C-alpha atoms as a PDB file:
ATOM      1  CA  MET A   1       8.038   8.150 -30.042  1.00  0.00           C
ATOM      2  CA  LYS A   2       7.843  10.290 -26.865  1.00  0.00           C
ATOM      3  CA  THR A   3      10.920  10.406 -24.929  1.00  0.00           C
ATOM      4  CA  ASP A   4      11.123   9.945 -21.139  1.00  0.00           C
ATOM      5  CA  ILE A   5       7.762   8.375 -20.763  1.00  0.00           C
ATOM      6  CA  HIS A   6       8.768   5.359 -18.767  1.00  0.00           C
ATOM      7  CA  HIS A   7       9.260   5.249 -14.983  1.00  0.00           C
ATOM      8  CA  PRO A   8      12.794   5.826 -13.930  1.00  0.00           C
ATOM      9  CA  ASN A   9      12.875   2.282 -12.416  1.00  0.00           C
ATOM     10  CA  TYR A  10      11.701   0.561 -15.707  1.00  0.00           C
ATOM     11  CA  ARG A  11      14.071  -2.242 -16.653  1.00  0.00           C
ATOM     12  CA  MET A  12      14.190  -5.826 -17.796  1.00  0.00           C
ATOM     13  CA  VAL A  13      12.965  -8.330 -15.225  1.00  0.00           C
ATOM     14  CA  ILE A  14      12.756 -12.095 -15.075  1.00  0.00           C
ATOM     15  CA  PHE A  15       9.329 -13.480 -13.947  1.00  0.00           C
ATOM     16  CA  ARG A  16       9.459 -17.070 -12.755  1.00  0.00           C
ATOM     17  CA  ASP A  17       6.169 -19.040 -12.424  1.00  0.00           C
ATOM     18  CA  ILE A  18       6.359 -21.421  -9.525  1.00  0.00           C
ATOM     19  CA  SER A  19       3.536 -23.511 -10.956  1.00  0.00           C
ATOM     20  CA  SER A  20       5.085 -24.414 -14.145  1.00  0.00           C
ATOM     21  CA  GLY A  21       8.720 -23.366 -13.819  1.00  0.00           C
ATOM     22  CA  ALA A  22       8.367 -21.067 -16.853  1.00  0.00           C
ATOM     23  CA  GLU A  23      10.438 -17.834 -17.007  1.00  0.00           C
ATOM     24  CA  PHE A  24       9.713 -14.678 -18.891  1.00  0.00           C
ATOM     25  CA  LEU A  25      12.185 -11.637 -19.500  1.00  0.00           C
ATOM     26  CA  ILE A  26      10.088  -8.548 -19.946  1.00  0.00           C
ATOM     27  CA  GLY A  27      10.295  -4.859 -19.042  1.00  0.00           C
ATOM     28  CA  SER A  28       8.727  -3.939 -15.644  1.00  0.00           C
ATOM     29  CA  THR A  29       9.129  -1.625 -12.665  1.00  0.00           C
ATOM     30  CA  ALA A  30       8.439  -4.558 -10.207  1.00  0.00           C
ATOM     31  CA  GLU A  31      10.717  -4.435  -7.156  1.00  0.00           C
ATOM     32  CA  SER A  32      12.909  -7.478  -6.366  1.00  0.00           C
ATOM     33  CA  LYS A  33      15.885  -8.206  -3.995  1.00  0.00           C
ATOM     34  CA  GLU A  34      16.694 -11.428  -5.931  1.00  0.00           C
ATOM     35  CA  THR A  35      18.558 -11.766  -9.112  1.00  0.00           C
ATOM     36  CA  ALA A  36      18.951 -14.580 -11.708  1.00  0.00           C
ATOM     37  CA  LYS A  37      20.985 -15.220 -14.916  1.00  0.00           C
ATOM     38  CA  TRP A  38      19.096 -15.180 -18.143  1.00  0.00           C
ATOM     39  CA  THR A  39      20.120 -17.259 -21.256  1.00  0.00           C
ATOM     40  CA  ASP A  40      22.164 -14.270 -22.587  1.00  0.00           C
ATOM     41  CA  GLY A  41      24.416 -14.555 -19.483  1.00  0.00           C
ATOM     42  CA  LYS A  42      23.348 -11.394 -17.900  1.00  0.00           C
ATOM     43  CA  GLU A  43      21.882 -10.951 -14.419  1.00  0.00           C
ATOM     44  CA  TYR A  44      18.467  -9.495 -14.043  1.00  0.00           C
ATOM     45  CA  PRO A  45      16.045  -8.970 -11.048  1.00  0.00           C
ATOM     46  CA  LEU A  46      13.900 -11.962 -10.382  1.00  0.00           C
ATOM     47  CA  VAL A  47      10.238 -11.817  -9.391  1.00  0.00           C
ATOM     48  CA  VAL A  48       8.433 -15.041  -8.506  1.00  0.00           C
ATOM     49  CA  VAL A  49       4.784 -15.372  -9.268  1.00  0.00           C
ATOM     50  CA  GLU A  50       2.256 -18.047  -8.361  1.00  0.00           C
ATOM     51  CA  ILE A  51       0.608 -18.148 -11.842  1.00  0.00           C
ATOM     52  CA  SER A  52       1.208 -16.911 -15.331  1.00  0.00           C
ATOM     53  CA  SER A  53      -0.025 -17.606 -18.839  1.00  0.00           C
ATOM     54  CA  GLN A  54       1.964 -20.862 -18.730  1.00  0.00           C
ATOM     55  CA  SER A  55      -0.018 -22.263 -15.875  1.00  0.00           C
ATOM     56  CA  HIS A  56      -3.399 -20.411 -15.887  1.00  0.00           C
ATOM     57  CA  PRO A  57      -6.309 -22.756 -16.742  1.00  0.00           C
ATOM     58  CA  PHE A  58      -7.686 -20.150 -19.251  1.00  0.00           C
ATOM     59  CA  TYR A  59      -4.609 -20.209 -21.324  1.00  0.00           C
ATOM     60  CA  THR A  60      -3.737 -23.918 -20.849  1.00  0.00           C
ATOM     61  CA  GLY A  61      -7.168 -25.347 -21.325  1.00  0.00           C
ATOM     62  CA  GLN A  62      -6.589 -27.590 -18.274  1.00  0.00           C
ATOM     63  CA  ASP A  63      -8.774 -27.367 -15.186  1.00  0.00           C
ATOM     64  CA  LYS A  64      -6.460 -27.565 -12.065  1.00  0.00           C
ATOM     65  CA  GLN A  65      -6.789 -26.345  -8.614  1.00  0.00           C
ATOM     66  CA  LEU A  66      -4.116 -23.893  -7.271  1.00  0.00           C
ATOM     67  CA  ASP A  67      -4.209 -23.655  -3.582  1.00  0.00           C
ATOM     68  CA  THR A  68      -0.755 -22.772  -2.444  1.00  0.00           C
ATOM     69  CA  ALA A  69      -1.704 -21.000   0.841  1.00  0.00           C
ATOM     70  CA  GLY A  70      -4.323 -23.651   2.116  1.00  0.00           C
ATOM     71  CA  ARG A  71      -7.084 -21.259   1.572  1.00  0.00           C
ATOM     72  CA  ALA A  72      -9.634 -24.021   0.735  1.00  0.00           C
ATOM     73  CA  GLU A  73      -8.852 -25.819   4.097  1.00  0.00           C
ATOM     74  CA  LYS A  74      -9.234 -22.572   6.110  1.00  0.00           C
ATOM     75  CA  PHE A  75     -12.574 -21.974   4.362  1.00  0.00           C
ATOM     76  CA  LYS A  76     -13.951 -25.463   5.062  1.00  0.00           C
ATOM     77  CA  ALA A  77     -12.754 -25.134   8.787  1.00  0.00           C
ATOM     78  CA  ARG A  78     -14.641 -21.858   9.156  1.00  0.00           C
ATOM     79  CA  ALA A  79     -17.835 -23.194   7.495  1.00  0.00           C
ATOM     80  CA  ALA A  80     -17.652 -26.304   9.796  1.00  0.00           C
ATOM     81  CA  LYS A  81     -17.515 -24.033  12.905  1.00  0.00           C
ATOM     82  CA  LYS A  82     -20.608 -22.140  11.793  1.00  0.00           C
ATOM     83  CA  VAL A  83     -22.555 -25.397  11.161  1.00  0.00           C
ATOM     84  CA  ALA A  84     -21.477 -26.671  14.629  1.00  0.00           C
ATOM     85  CA  LYS A  85     -22.651 -23.531  16.383  1.00  0.00           C
ATOM     86  CA  LYS A  86     -26.239 -23.910  14.938  1.00  0.00           C
END
């Protein structure tokens, strides 16, 4: 294998899915100010994600709506304003 091909910041990182609560420990260069303990007792940087393979409808086979930021309501409000102007 080639040596020194990874970014200098490459390390093990915990990714936590807020939709399902699942956690993954994988190598990454993602930046994080938070840390968490893994099952091996060591602390790793923690990155929180909205969706992962544990909660994505394509992988789970379940159809569910993920609207954590209220985007659907904002869109409906804008659409209602356009209709009201006409």
